[in-house]
Amino acid sequence: MTASGADAGATPAAIVLRTGGAGVLPRHPSAPRPAVQALLALVLYLAFFVISYTLPLVLHPGLPQIGQATVDPNFYIWSWRWWPYAIAHGLNPLYSRQIGAPAGTGLSWATTTPAVAVLLAPVTAAFGPISSFNLTLVLGAPVSAWAAFLAARRLTGHFWAALMAGTVYGFSWYEVGETGAGHPNLSVIMLLPLMVYLALLWRDGTLGRWLFVALLSVAMAAEFYIFNETFVELTALGAAGLVIGFVLAGPAERPTVARLAGLVALAYAISLVLVSPYLIDALRHSPAHFAKAGAWSSMNLQDLVDPRSGLLLLAVVLALAVFAPSRRLTWLLVILFVLIVAIAVGPVLQIGAHQFGSLPWARLWNLPFARAIEPMRIITFGYLALAMMLAVWLTTPFTSRALTVFQWLLGLAAVAAVIAYVPTAATGRTLPAGAQSEALRPTDALPSFIGSGRYRQYLRPGEIVVVVSDRGNAAMLFQADTNFYMRVAGGFINKTFSGNGLPAPVSNLMHPTPARERQFLAYVHRAGVGAVLVEQAWSAPWMQVFSQMGLHRTVAGGVIVYRTS
């Protein structure tokens, strides 16, 4: 931002303060340096999240604790192993013959989160994919909170306001819920506030335009490789934010917004080049049908106004709009937040257990790219806007002492509600599988058949197997832990492509009939399946089914091995 006259010798922060910006507070001469503040914030976020929520993952890093009754977490454990394996062996990482054997399975429409898998490849190589996956869940929320802290600290110049803003973003009910569900594509969200941070550095003249473009393009591409759906949402909201910002800006600031838009567009174009190999493959193999968005994938407004998670934050939005209405930044954030909420509620309005029919913008989800997007996921951007609004609210200067007291009481209460919502991991409780907490169970550990390497005595390298277990996606978990020693028939990547993860002839045996048994035997012969592995902890009723079919069994290390040839 340029200045003239009285502003010629002023700092960028001071200019922003006088032009109705974020309300930057001057740093006290004895205040810690920004780098020290950033380190302190990261330590505080990590300590809080580990002690309150992820302690079991730290104490048992090699134990697959998260969502073993569901399919997604073990898919990500497999992905953490697959990407380094595919790269090291010169394989196409977007198509794997290790699952869905013998034909294989395309992965360009699966959320394999390659950016995180490749980043943690050294941890995977040293300690295994379960440990690297658990580490992802331990670090995701605190590092995301820290990134929001950096953005808010740069925006306001105030440590405590930024610390509280980071708490709102990193530990929101949505972020914590996705961590507990074992969804790193949705819980590794630090790049979004880091992009805001880069823009603020450019605004302040700390970052040159070409370095800004380079870093922003890498951040955008990395976000695509974390979760391409978030990249699509970033595209739409980024464009909307620039347009709204240009409209709200005064005549003196509009050239700056226009330059920012040009640099962002250039960075976006470069990011498309960086992601083009993946993007082209995805477009070439786009599925004909997606599950259409509905109430199941939309945000329930009850979650937004729940006193434990969002009501006080909404009060901050209202207070900011009432007591600081002249600030353009206030209205930019408020308008963006309202837009985000409107999209997040999706095509169907739902409050609690009640549905109120389709919304006027429901047809948006008939568009080609929008069909694959779950509306609720965009609320991540909403919490980023809420975090920045909280920081702005806490640094808004008031002349009235009563208003200042109200300002901080409301801010502290809003953050306290966010912290209170985070479940505790005390007394040995682990992360919740979905929405429910459960104690550590012996069945969470891998059977020794896999963990101790006994599978090598019973299976040939590269042999195709079927894995039957009530553990969700057990086949991909076992395969990842054995570093692809075996190939598996089936495996879950998403609902569009892989159903429940078991081949249909195997899944049909849950309700056996003579015809289905013949279909199963024909399938294993046709697919070249050499063995069926049944995890012994969940062996009923499979033992009876396979015994009636005359298959020979061997019990070894918590697994029953049925040879099919």
Protein backbone atom coordinates (compact mmCIF):
# COMPACT_ATOMS: atom_id res chain seq x y z
CA MET A 1 0.00 0.00 0.00
CA THR A 2 1.46 3.37 -0.98
CA ALA A 3 1.25 6.54 1.11
CA SER A 4 1.90 10.21 0.69
CA GLY A 5 1.88 13.38 2.79
CA ALA A 6 1.36 12.62 6.48
CA ASP A 7 1.63 8.87 5.85
CA ALA A 8 4.98 9.04 4.07
CA GLY A 9 6.98 7.98 7.10
CA ALA A 10 4.35 5.75 8.68
CA THR A 11 4.53 1.98 8.94
CA PRO A 12 2.06 -0.09 6.87
CA ALA A 13 0.32 -1.12 10.09
CA ALA A 14 -0.21 2.49 11.08
CA ILE A 15 -1.60 3.29 7.64
CA VAL A 16 -4.07 0.42 7.94
CA LEU A 17 -5.14 1.67 11.36
CA ARG A 18 -5.89 5.15 10.06
CA THR A 19 -7.68 3.93 6.92
CA GLY A 20 -10.16 1.78 8.80
CA GLY A 21 -8.21 -1.47 8.65
CA ALA A 22 -7.84 -4.16 11.26
CA GLY A 23 -7.18 -1.93 14.23
CA VAL A 24 -3.50 -2.74 14.80
CA LEU A 25 -2.25 -2.18 18.32
CA PRO A 26 1.31 -0.87 18.74
CA ARG A 27 3.75 -3.44 20.09
CA HIS A 28 5.13 -2.66 23.52
CA PRO A 29 8.93 -2.23 23.48
CA SER A 30 9.35 -5.06 25.99
CA ALA A 31 6.99 -7.45 24.17
CA PRO A 32 8.53 -10.67 22.87
CA ARG A 33 9.76 -10.72 19.29
CA PRO A 34 7.27 -12.11 16.72
CA ALA A 35 9.35 -15.27 16.23
CA VAL A 36 9.33 -15.96 19.98
CA GLN A 37 5.59 -15.33 20.09
CA ALA A 38 5.04 -17.73 17.19
CA LEU A 39 7.08 -20.46 18.88
CA LEU A 40 5.24 -19.94 22.17
CA ALA A 41 1.87 -20.18 20.40
CA LEU A 42 2.84 -23.43 18.68
CA VAL A 43 4.00 -24.97 21.96
CA LEU A 44 0.77 -23.95 23.71
CA TYR A 45 -1.42 -25.35 20.94
CA LEU A 46 0.48 -28.65 20.85
CA ALA A 47 0.45 -29.05 24.62
CA PHE A 48 -3.27 -28.35 24.83
CA PHE A 49 -4.25 -30.75 22.05
CA VAL A 50 -2.00 -33.59 23.16
CA ILE A 51 -3.00 -33.38 26.82
CA SER A 52 -6.70 -32.89 26.16
CA TYR A 53 -7.33 -35.05 23.11
CA THR A 54 -4.55 -36.99 21.39
CA LEU A 55 -2.56 -38.34 24.33
CA PRO A 56 -3.44 -41.99 23.48
CA LEU A 57 -1.96 -41.52 20.02
CA VAL A 58 1.25 -40.20 21.54
CA LEU A 59 1.43 -43.02 24.09
CA HIS A 60 0.62 -45.75 21.52
CA PRO A 61 1.81 -44.38 18.17
CA GLY A 62 1.89 -47.77 16.44
CA LEU A 63 -1.65 -48.76 17.40
CA PRO A 64 -4.46 -48.28 14.87
CA GLN A 65 -6.87 -46.68 17.31
CA ILE A 66 -8.91 -44.36 15.13
CA GLY A 67 -12.25 -45.46 13.71
CA GLN A 68 -11.53 -49.17 13.36
CA ALA A 69 -15.25 -49.77 12.92
CA THR A 70 -15.23 -47.42 9.91
CA VAL A 71 -13.44 -47.61 6.57
CA ASP A 72 -11.78 -44.22 6.08
CA PRO A 73 -8.89 -44.19 8.62
CA ASN A 74 -7.32 -47.40 7.35
CA PHE A 75 -7.64 -46.12 3.80
CA TYR A 76 -5.47 -43.16 4.77
CA ILE A 77 -2.97 -45.41 6.52
CA TRP A 78 -2.75 -47.31 3.22
CA SER A 79 -2.32 -44.04 1.32
CA TRP A 80 0.55 -42.95 3.59
CA ARG A 81 2.34 -46.16 2.52
CA TRP A 82 1.20 -46.16 -1.10
CA TRP A 83 2.57 -42.82 -2.32
CA PRO A 84 6.19 -43.35 -1.17
CA TYR A 85 6.01 -46.96 -2.42
CA ALA A 86 4.68 -45.98 -5.85
CA ILE A 87 7.25 -43.21 -6.28
CA ALA A 88 10.14 -45.41 -5.15
CA HIS A 89 9.10 -48.21 -7.57
CA GLY A 90 8.40 -45.93 -10.51
CA LEU A 91 4.68 -46.77 -10.53
CA ASN A 92 1.77 -44.58 -11.53
CA PRO A 93 0.53 -43.39 -8.11
CA LEU A 94 -2.93 -42.71 -9.52
CA TYR A 95 -3.54 -46.38 -10.36
CA SER A 96 -2.82 -49.29 -8.06
CA ARG A 97 -2.82 -52.99 -8.90
CA GLN A 98 -2.27 -53.74 -5.21
CA ILE A 99 -5.98 -53.31 -4.44
CA GLY A 100 -8.96 -54.41 -6.47
CA ALA A 101 -6.77 -57.27 -7.69
CA PRO A 102 -6.23 -58.56 -10.23
CA ALA A 103 -7.37 -55.62 -12.39
CA GLY A 104 -6.46 -52.82 -9.97
CA THR A 105 -8.16 -49.55 -9.01
CA GLY A 106 -7.90 -45.95 -10.18
CA LEU A 107 -7.12 -43.42 -7.46
CA SER A 108 -7.49 -40.01 -9.09
CA TRP A 109 -10.97 -39.61 -7.54
CA ALA A 110 -9.88 -40.97 -4.16
CA THR A 111 -8.74 -38.63 -1.38
CA THR A 112 -5.26 -40.09 -1.01
CA THR A 113 -3.83 -36.75 0.25
CA PRO A 114 -0.46 -37.17 -1.48
CA ALA A 115 1.08 -33.94 -0.15
CA VAL A 116 0.91 -35.22 3.43
CA ALA A 117 1.83 -38.80 2.50
CA VAL A 118 4.99 -37.66 0.70
CA LEU A 119 5.91 -35.14 3.42
CA LEU A 120 5.73 -37.86 6.09
CA ALA A 121 7.45 -40.52 3.95
CA PRO A 122 10.57 -40.53 6.19
CA VAL A 123 8.39 -41.18 9.26
CA THR A 124 6.54 -43.94 7.39
CA ALA A 125 9.83 -45.55 6.33
CA ALA A 126 11.22 -45.45 9.87
CA PHE A 127 8.16 -46.30 11.98
CA GLY A 128 5.43 -47.53 9.63
CA PRO A 129 2.28 -45.98 8.17
CA ILE A 130 0.20 -46.33 11.34
CA SER A 131 2.64 -44.16 13.29
CA SER A 132 2.88 -41.55 10.54
CA PHE A 133 -0.92 -41.44 10.25
CA ASN A 134 -1.30 -41.00 14.02
CA LEU A 135 1.33 -38.25 13.91
CA THR A 136 -0.75 -36.49 11.26
CA LEU A 137 -3.75 -36.45 13.59
CA VAL A 138 -1.66 -35.24 16.52
CA LEU A 139 -0.17 -32.33 14.57
CA GLY A 140 -3.00 -31.35 12.20
CA ALA A 141 -5.14 -29.20 14.49
CA PRO A 142 -2.32 -27.52 16.48
CA VAL A 143 -0.34 -26.59 13.36
CA SER A 144 -3.53 -25.30 11.71
CA ALA A 145 -4.23 -23.20 14.80
CA TRP A 146 -0.66 -21.90 14.66
CA ALA A 147 -1.04 -20.90 10.99
CA ALA A 148 -4.19 -18.95 11.86
CA PHE A 149 -2.26 -17.34 14.71
CA LEU A 150 0.38 -16.13 12.24
CA ALA A 151 -2.26 -14.59 10.00
CA ALA A 152 -4.13 -12.95 12.88
CA ARG A 153 -0.87 -11.72 14.46
CA ARG A 154 0.13 -10.11 11.18
CA LEU A 155 -3.32 -8.62 10.74
CA THR A 156 -3.65 -7.11 14.21
CA GLY A 157 -0.18 -6.96 15.76
CA HIS A 158 -1.63 -8.37 18.99
CA PHE A 159 -0.38 -11.64 20.53
CA TRP A 160 -3.33 -12.52 22.74
CA ALA A 161 -5.95 -11.71 20.13
CA ALA A 162 -4.05 -13.82 17.60
CA LEU A 163 -3.66 -16.68 20.08
CA MET A 164 -7.41 -16.74 20.66
CA ALA A 165 -8.10 -16.52 16.92
CA GLY A 166 -5.87 -19.53 16.27
CA THR A 167 -7.75 -21.48 18.94
CA VAL A 168 -11.06 -20.79 17.19
CA TYR A 169 -9.76 -22.00 13.83
CA GLY A 170 -7.64 -24.96 14.89
CA PHE A 171 -9.94 -26.41 17.56
CA SER A 172 -13.41 -25.74 16.17
CA TRP A 173 -15.98 -28.50 16.55
CA TYR A 174 -15.59 -29.30 12.86
CA GLU A 175 -11.79 -29.60 12.94
CA VAL A 176 -11.82 -31.72 16.10
CA GLY A 177 -14.60 -33.90 14.70
CA GLU A 178 -12.70 -34.58 11.47
CA THR A 179 -9.57 -35.38 13.47
CA GLY A 180 -11.49 -37.89 15.56
CA ALA A 181 -13.03 -39.42 12.45
CA GLY A 182 -9.56 -39.94 10.96
CA HIS A 183 -9.98 -37.61 7.96
CA PRO A 184 -6.63 -35.87 7.40
CA ASN A 185 -7.83 -34.41 4.08
CA LEU A 186 -10.23 -32.31 6.18
CA SER A 187 -8.14 -31.78 9.33
CA VAL A 188 -4.84 -30.72 7.71
CA ILE A 189 -5.98 -27.15 7.00
CA MET A 190 -2.99 -24.96 7.81
CA LEU A 191 -2.44 -23.83 4.23
CA LEU A 192 -5.60 -21.70 4.11
CA PRO A 193 -4.53 -19.21 6.83
CA LEU A 194 -0.95 -19.37 5.53
CA MET A 195 -2.21 -18.03 2.20
CA VAL A 196 -3.84 -15.15 4.08
CA TYR A 197 -0.53 -14.61 5.89
CA LEU A 198 1.33 -14.42 2.56
CA ALA A 199 -1.15 -11.82 1.28
CA LEU A 200 -0.65 -9.72 4.41
CA LEU A 201 3.13 -9.92 4.05
CA TRP A 202 2.77 -8.67 0.48
CA ARG A 203 0.41 -5.90 1.60
CA ASP A 204 2.92 -4.70 4.17
CA GLY A 205 5.78 -4.70 1.67
CA THR A 206 7.62 -7.48 3.51
CA LEU A 207 7.22 -9.91 0.60
CA GLY A 208 8.06 -8.96 -2.97
CA ARG A 209 5.50 -9.65 -5.65
CA TRP A 210 7.40 -12.43 -7.42
CA LEU A 211 8.24 -14.27 -4.20
CA PHE A 212 4.61 -13.83 -3.17
CA VAL A 213 3.43 -15.38 -6.44
CA ALA A 214 5.91 -18.26 -6.13
CA LEU A 215 4.98 -19.11 -2.54
CA LEU A 216 1.26 -18.70 -3.13
CA SER A 217 1.30 -20.94 -6.20
CA VAL A 218 3.13 -23.67 -4.25
CA ALA A 219 0.65 -23.32 -1.37
CA MET A 220 -2.31 -23.57 -3.77
CA ALA A 221 -0.85 -26.64 -5.48
CA ALA A 222 -0.11 -28.25 -2.13
CA GLU A 223 -3.72 -27.64 -1.06
CA PHE A 224 -4.87 -29.41 -4.23
CA TYR A 225 -2.66 -32.36 -3.32
CA ILE A 226 -4.11 -32.40 0.19
CA PHE A 227 -7.72 -32.27 -0.93
CA ASN A 228 -8.80 -31.14 -4.38
CA GLU A 229 -12.32 -30.36 -3.16
CA THR A 230 -10.92 -27.70 -0.84
CA PHE A 231 -8.96 -26.34 -3.81
CA VAL A 232 -12.22 -25.93 -5.76
CA GLU A 233 -13.81 -24.17 -2.79
CA LEU A 234 -10.72 -21.96 -2.45
CA THR A 235 -11.08 -21.00 -6.11
CA ALA A 236 -14.69 -19.87 -5.70
CA LEU A 237 -14.27 -18.12 -2.34
CA GLY A 238 -10.97 -16.50 -3.31
CA ALA A 239 -12.57 -14.96 -6.38
CA ALA A 240 -15.61 -13.87 -4.37
CA GLY A 241 -13.41 -12.32 -1.68
CA LEU A 242 -11.42 -10.30 -4.20
CA VAL A 243 -14.58 -9.03 -5.88
CA ILE A 244 -16.20 -8.10 -2.56
CA GLY A 245 -12.97 -6.49 -1.38
CA PHE A 246 -12.74 -4.40 -4.55
CA VAL A 247 -16.34 -3.22 -4.17
CA LEU A 248 -15.87 -2.32 -0.50
CA ALA A 249 -12.47 -0.65 -0.94
CA GLY A 250 -12.20 3.08 -1.25
CA PRO A 251 -10.84 4.71 -4.39
CA ALA A 252 -7.34 4.88 -2.89
CA GLU A 253 -7.24 1.17 -2.04
CA ARG A 254 -8.82 -0.26 -5.21
CA PRO A 255 -5.57 -0.24 -7.23
CA THR A 256 -3.96 -2.29 -4.46
CA VAL A 257 -6.82 -4.80 -4.51
CA ALA A 258 -6.59 -4.98 -8.30
CA ARG A 259 -2.83 -5.67 -8.13
CA LEU A 260 -3.45 -8.35 -5.53
CA ALA A 261 -6.09 -9.94 -7.76
CA GLY A 262 -3.65 -10.00 -10.66
CA LEU A 263 -0.91 -11.65 -8.61
CA VAL A 264 -3.35 -14.20 -7.18
CA ALA A 265 -4.59 -15.03 -10.70
CA LEU A 266 -0.99 -15.56 -11.84
CA ALA A 267 -0.27 -17.80 -8.84
CA TYR A 268 -3.45 -19.74 -9.53
CA ALA A 269 -2.43 -20.32 -13.15
CA ILE A 270 0.98 -21.59 -12.04
CA SER A 271 -0.66 -23.89 -9.48
CA LEU A 272 -2.81 -25.40 -12.23
CA VAL A 273 0.35 -26.24 -14.14
CA LEU A 274 1.81 -27.86 -11.02
CA VAL A 275 -1.27 -30.02 -10.49
CA SER A 276 -1.97 -30.70 -14.18
CA PRO A 277 -0.76 -34.37 -14.19
CA TYR A 278 -3.24 -35.25 -11.46
CA LEU A 279 -5.98 -32.97 -12.78
CA ILE A 280 -5.80 -34.34 -16.33
CA ASP A 281 -5.96 -37.92 -15.07
CA ALA A 282 -8.97 -37.07 -12.89
CA LEU A 283 -10.81 -35.42 -15.77
CA ARG A 284 -10.09 -38.38 -18.05
CA HIS A 285 -11.49 -40.83 -15.51
CA SER A 286 -14.38 -38.83 -14.11
CA PRO A 287 -17.13 -41.14 -12.84
CA ALA A 288 -20.50 -40.91 -14.52
CA HIS A 289 -22.42 -40.53 -11.27
CA PHE A 290 -21.81 -39.05 -7.84
CA ALA A 291 -23.92 -39.26 -4.72
CA LYS A 292 -26.00 -36.07 -4.88
CA ALA A 293 -25.58 -33.64 -2.01
CA GLY A 294 -28.43 -33.56 0.45
CA ALA A 295 -29.14 -33.17 4.14
CA TRP A 296 -26.60 -35.90 4.98
CA SER A 297 -23.77 -33.82 3.52
CA SER A 298 -24.98 -30.35 4.52
CA MET A 299 -24.32 -28.41 7.69
CA ASN A 300 -27.04 -28.58 10.26
CA LEU A 301 -27.63 -25.03 11.46
CA GLN A 302 -28.03 -26.38 14.97
CA ASP A 303 -24.27 -27.05 15.01
CA LEU A 304 -23.55 -23.42 14.20
CA VAL A 305 -25.70 -22.01 17.01
CA ASP A 306 -24.77 -24.65 19.60
CA PRO A 307 -23.61 -22.77 22.73
CA ARG A 308 -20.67 -25.20 23.01
CA SER A 309 -19.31 -24.44 19.57
CA GLY A 310 -20.67 -21.43 17.75
CA LEU A 311 -23.27 -19.24 19.40
CA LEU A 312 -20.82 -16.93 21.15
CA LEU A 313 -18.75 -16.63 17.99
CA LEU A 314 -21.87 -15.48 16.18
CA ALA A 315 -22.29 -12.93 18.96
CA VAL A 316 -18.78 -11.68 18.17
CA VAL A 317 -19.79 -11.25 14.52
CA LEU A 318 -22.86 -9.28 15.55
CA ALA A 319 -20.93 -7.14 18.04
CA LEU A 320 -18.27 -6.36 15.44
CA ALA A 321 -20.89 -5.30 12.92
CA VAL A 322 -22.68 -3.11 15.50
CA PHE A 323 -19.69 -1.46 17.21
CA ALA A 324 -17.25 -1.22 14.29
CA PRO A 325 -19.54 -0.73 11.28
CA SER A 326 -17.29 1.79 9.53
CA ARG A 327 -14.46 -0.65 8.87
CA ARG A 328 -14.29 -2.12 5.41
CA LEU A 329 -12.46 -5.18 6.73
CA THR A 330 -15.37 -5.88 9.08
CA TRP A 331 -17.86 -5.97 6.26
CA LEU A 332 -15.57 -8.01 4.02
CA LEU A 333 -15.31 -10.71 6.69
CA VAL A 334 -19.01 -10.56 7.61
CA ILE A 335 -20.19 -10.84 4.00
CA LEU A 336 -17.79 -13.70 3.29
CA PHE A 337 -18.96 -15.52 6.42
CA VAL A 338 -22.62 -15.19 5.47
CA LEU A 339 -21.81 -16.45 1.97
CA ILE A 340 -19.90 -19.43 3.38
CA VAL A 341 -22.75 -20.38 5.72
CA ALA A 342 -25.27 -20.14 2.88
CA ILE A 343 -23.20 -22.60 0.85
CA ALA A 344 -22.47 -24.87 3.82
CA VAL A 345 -26.16 -25.47 4.55
CA GLY A 346 -26.31 -26.94 1.06
CA PRO A 347 -29.38 -27.52 -1.06
CA VAL A 348 -31.58 -28.53 1.89
CA LEU A 349 -32.09 -26.46 5.04
CA GLN A 350 -31.83 -28.59 8.17
CA ILE A 351 -32.17 -27.44 11.79
CA GLY A 352 -31.87 -30.21 14.33
CA ALA A 353 -34.00 -33.16 13.25
CA HIS A 354 -36.21 -31.01 11.01
CA GLN A 355 -35.80 -30.37 7.30
CA PHE A 356 -37.36 -27.33 5.67
CA GLY A 357 -37.08 -28.15 1.98
CA SER A 358 -34.81 -27.04 -0.83
CA LEU A 359 -33.11 -23.66 -0.81
CA PRO A 360 -33.13 -21.25 -3.79
CA TRP A 361 -29.53 -22.13 -4.69
CA ALA A 362 -30.07 -25.91 -4.57
CA ARG A 363 -29.46 -26.21 -8.32
CA LEU A 364 -25.83 -25.27 -7.83
CA TRP A 365 -25.20 -28.89 -6.92
CA ASN A 366 -26.30 -29.97 -10.39
CA LEU A 367 -23.18 -28.37 -11.89
CA PRO A 368 -20.47 -30.85 -12.97
CA PHE A 369 -17.83 -30.03 -10.33
CA ALA A 370 -20.32 -29.21 -7.58
CA ARG A 371 -21.93 -32.64 -7.71
CA ALA A 372 -18.93 -34.16 -5.95
CA ILE A 373 -18.74 -31.49 -3.23
CA GLU A 374 -20.22 -31.98 0.23
CA PRO A 375 -21.47 -28.52 1.29
CA MET A 376 -20.67 -28.83 4.98
CA ARG A 377 -16.93 -29.08 4.31
CA ILE A 378 -16.74 -25.44 3.26
CA ILE A 379 -17.36 -24.38 6.87
CA THR A 380 -13.59 -24.63 7.37
CA PHE A 381 -13.38 -21.30 5.56
CA GLY A 382 -16.16 -20.02 7.81
CA TYR A 383 -14.11 -20.73 10.92
CA LEU A 384 -11.14 -18.98 9.36
CA ALA A 385 -13.35 -15.91 8.85
CA LEU A 386 -14.63 -16.23 12.44
CA ALA A 387 -11.07 -16.44 13.74
CA MET A 388 -10.04 -13.28 11.91
CA MET A 389 -13.20 -11.48 13.07
CA LEU A 390 -12.44 -12.42 16.67
CA ALA A 391 -8.93 -10.99 16.33
CA VAL A 392 -10.30 -7.78 14.80
CA TRP A 393 -12.96 -7.53 17.51
CA LEU A 394 -10.42 -7.88 20.31
CA THR A 395 -8.17 -5.20 18.81
CA THR A 396 -10.89 -2.67 18.05
CA PRO A 397 -10.10 0.46 20.14
CA PHE A 398 -12.95 1.66 22.33
CA THR A 399 -12.98 4.84 24.41
CA SER A 400 -15.54 3.40 26.82
CA ARG A 401 -14.12 1.24 29.60
CA ALA A 402 -17.41 -0.69 29.76
CA LEU A 403 -17.18 -1.55 26.07
CA THR A 404 -13.57 -2.66 26.50
CA VAL A 405 -14.56 -4.96 29.36
CA PHE A 406 -17.46 -6.34 27.29
CA GLN A 407 -15.11 -6.77 24.33
CA TRP A 408 -12.75 -9.06 26.20
CA LEU A 409 -15.39 -10.88 28.21
CA LEU A 410 -17.21 -11.82 25.02
CA GLY A 411 -13.99 -12.88 23.31
CA LEU A 412 -12.84 -14.98 26.25
CA ALA A 413 -16.26 -16.60 26.60
CA ALA A 414 -16.32 -17.50 22.89
CA VAL A 415 -12.88 -19.12 23.08
CA ALA A 416 -13.76 -20.89 26.33
CA ALA A 417 -16.78 -22.43 24.60
CA VAL A 418 -14.54 -23.72 21.80
CA ILE A 419 -12.06 -25.20 24.27
CA ALA A 420 -14.82 -26.75 26.39
CA TYR A 421 -16.15 -28.55 23.31
CA VAL A 422 -12.88 -30.45 22.80
CA PRO A 423 -13.30 -33.90 24.42
CA THR A 424 -10.80 -35.08 26.99
CA ALA A 425 -8.42 -38.00 26.56
CA ALA A 426 -7.96 -38.47 30.31
CA THR A 427 -8.04 -41.86 32.00
CA GLY A 428 -6.93 -43.73 28.89
CA ARG A 429 -9.77 -42.71 26.60
CA THR A 430 -8.84 -42.54 22.97
CA LEU A 431 -10.08 -40.30 20.19
CA PRO A 432 -13.72 -40.76 19.25
CA ALA A 433 -14.56 -42.98 16.28
CA GLY A 434 -16.90 -40.59 14.52
CA ALA A 435 -18.84 -38.91 17.30
CA GLN A 436 -18.46 -41.47 20.09
CA SER A 437 -15.53 -42.06 22.41
CA GLU A 438 -14.40 -45.57 23.14
CA ALA A 439 -11.75 -47.19 25.31
CA LEU A 440 -8.66 -48.87 23.91
CA ARG A 441 -9.51 -52.42 22.92
CA PRO A 442 -7.25 -55.44 22.43
CA THR A 443 -8.74 -55.84 18.95
CA ASP A 444 -7.34 -52.44 17.94
CA ALA A 445 -3.85 -53.94 17.77
CA LEU A 446 -2.79 -55.70 14.60
CA PRO A 447 -2.96 -59.51 14.81
CA SER A 448 0.50 -60.99 15.27
CA PHE A 449 0.04 -62.79 11.93
CA ILE A 450 0.59 -59.34 10.38
CA GLY A 451 2.55 -57.49 13.05
CA SER A 452 5.22 -60.16 13.62
CA GLY A 453 5.64 -61.09 9.96
CA ARG A 454 4.15 -64.60 10.23
CA TYR A 455 2.22 -63.99 7.02
CA ARG A 456 5.44 -64.81 5.13
CA GLN A 457 5.11 -68.44 6.25
CA TYR A 458 1.63 -68.83 4.78
CA LEU A 459 1.46 -66.49 1.78
CA ARG A 460 3.59 -66.08 -1.32
CA PRO A 461 4.89 -62.60 -2.24
CA GLY A 462 2.32 -60.88 -4.43
CA GLU A 463 -0.36 -63.50 -3.77
CA ILE A 464 -3.94 -62.23 -4.07
CA VAL A 465 -5.94 -62.53 -0.87
CA VAL A 466 -9.38 -61.59 0.45
CA VAL A 467 -9.48 -60.19 3.99
CA VAL A 468 -12.67 -60.59 6.04
CA SER A 469 -13.02 -58.66 9.28
CA ASP A 470 -15.37 -56.33 11.10
CA ARG A 471 -12.41 -53.99 11.32
CA GLY A 472 -13.13 -51.39 8.66
CA ASN A 473 -10.94 -51.73 5.56
CA ALA A 474 -8.76 -54.34 7.25
CA ALA A 475 -7.37 -55.54 3.91
CA MET A 476 -5.76 -52.18 3.14
CA LEU A 477 -4.48 -51.81 6.71
CA PHE A 478 -2.83 -55.24 6.60
CA GLN A 479 -1.38 -54.59 3.17
CA ALA A 480 0.06 -51.23 4.20
CA ASP A 481 1.70 -52.69 7.30
CA THR A 482 3.30 -55.47 5.25
CA ASN A 483 4.58 -52.94 2.67
CA PHE A 484 2.51 -54.51 -0.11
CA TYR A 485 3.74 -58.06 0.42
CA MET A 486 0.31 -59.30 -0.71
CA ARG A 487 -2.24 -58.04 -3.21
CA VAL A 488 -5.83 -57.76 -2.06
CA ALA A 489 -9.12 -58.32 -3.84
CA GLY A 490 -11.40 -55.47 -2.85
CA GLY A 491 -10.46 -52.57 -0.63
CA PHE A 492 -12.42 -49.39 0.08
CA ILE A 493 -11.45 -46.03 -1.45
CA ASN A 494 -14.85 -44.27 -1.57
CA LYS A 495 -18.55 -45.01 -1.92
CA THR A 496 -18.63 -44.20 -5.62
CA PHE A 497 -16.05 -46.82 -6.59
CA SER A 498 -15.83 -49.54 -3.97
CA GLY A 499 -19.05 -50.07 -1.99
CA ASN A 500 -18.25 -51.67 1.36
CA GLY A 501 -14.73 -52.69 0.31
CA LEU A 502 -15.44 -56.40 -0.17
CA PRO A 503 -15.89 -57.96 -3.62
CA ALA A 504 -19.60 -58.61 -4.17
CA PRO A 505 -19.26 -62.44 -4.30
CA VAL A 506 -17.59 -62.31 -0.87
CA SER A 507 -19.97 -59.76 0.62
CA ASN A 508 -22.96 -61.86 -0.50
CA LEU A 509 -21.78 -64.69 1.76
CA MET A 510 -23.00 -62.70 4.75
CA HIS A 511 -26.30 -64.34 3.80
CA PRO A 512 -25.09 -67.61 2.25
CA THR A 513 -27.05 -69.74 -0.17
CA PRO A 514 -25.81 -72.61 -2.35
CA ALA A 515 -25.95 -70.34 -5.40
CA ARG A 516 -23.89 -67.65 -3.68
CA GLU A 517 -21.34 -70.22 -2.55
CA ARG A 518 -20.91 -71.36 -6.15
CA GLN A 519 -20.56 -67.75 -7.27
CA PHE A 520 -17.88 -67.20 -4.63
CA LEU A 521 -15.87 -70.26 -5.72
CA ALA A 522 -16.13 -69.18 -9.35
CA TYR A 523 -14.96 -65.69 -8.39
CA VAL A 524 -11.86 -66.79 -6.46
CA HIS A 525 -10.89 -69.06 -9.35
CA ARG A 526 -11.41 -66.31 -11.93
CA ALA A 527 -9.61 -63.62 -9.86
CA GLY A 528 -6.74 -65.89 -8.85
CA VAL A 529 -7.42 -65.54 -5.11
CA GLY A 530 -5.03 -67.83 -3.25
CA ALA A 531 -6.30 -67.39 0.31
CA VAL A 532 -9.02 -65.86 2.44
CA LEU A 533 -7.83 -64.27 5.69
CA VAL A 534 -10.37 -63.97 8.50
CA GLU A 535 -9.37 -61.87 11.51
CA GLN A 536 -10.05 -64.20 14.41
CA ALA A 537 -11.46 -61.49 16.71
CA TRP A 538 -14.37 -61.21 14.27
CA SER A 539 -14.46 -64.75 12.86
CA ALA A 540 -18.16 -65.56 13.36
CA PRO A 541 -20.08 -66.42 11.24
CA TRP A 542 -17.40 -66.74 8.57
CA MET A 543 -15.86 -69.90 10.07
CA GLN A 544 -19.11 -71.77 9.56
CA VAL A 545 -19.61 -70.43 6.04
CA PHE A 546 -16.16 -71.37 4.78
CA SER A 547 -16.13 -74.72 6.63
CA GLN A 548 -19.39 -75.72 4.95
CA MET A 549 -17.75 -74.95 1.61
CA GLY A 550 -14.97 -77.41 2.41
CA LEU A 551 -12.13 -74.89 2.63
CA HIS A 552 -9.13 -75.96 4.70
CA ARG A 553 -8.25 -73.62 7.56
CA THR A 554 -5.14 -72.83 9.55
CA VAL A 555 -5.14 -70.63 12.65
CA ALA A 556 -2.04 -68.46 12.98
CA GLY A 557 -1.44 -65.35 15.05
CA GLY A 558 -5.02 -64.13 15.34
CA VAL A 559 -5.89 -64.87 11.71
CA ILE A 560 -7.63 -67.87 10.17
CA VAL A 561 -6.13 -68.70 6.79
CA TYR A 562 -8.42 -70.47 4.30
CA ARG A 563 -6.63 -71.74 1.22
CA THR A 564 -8.79 -71.60 -1.90
CA SER A 565 -6.58 -73.78 -4.10
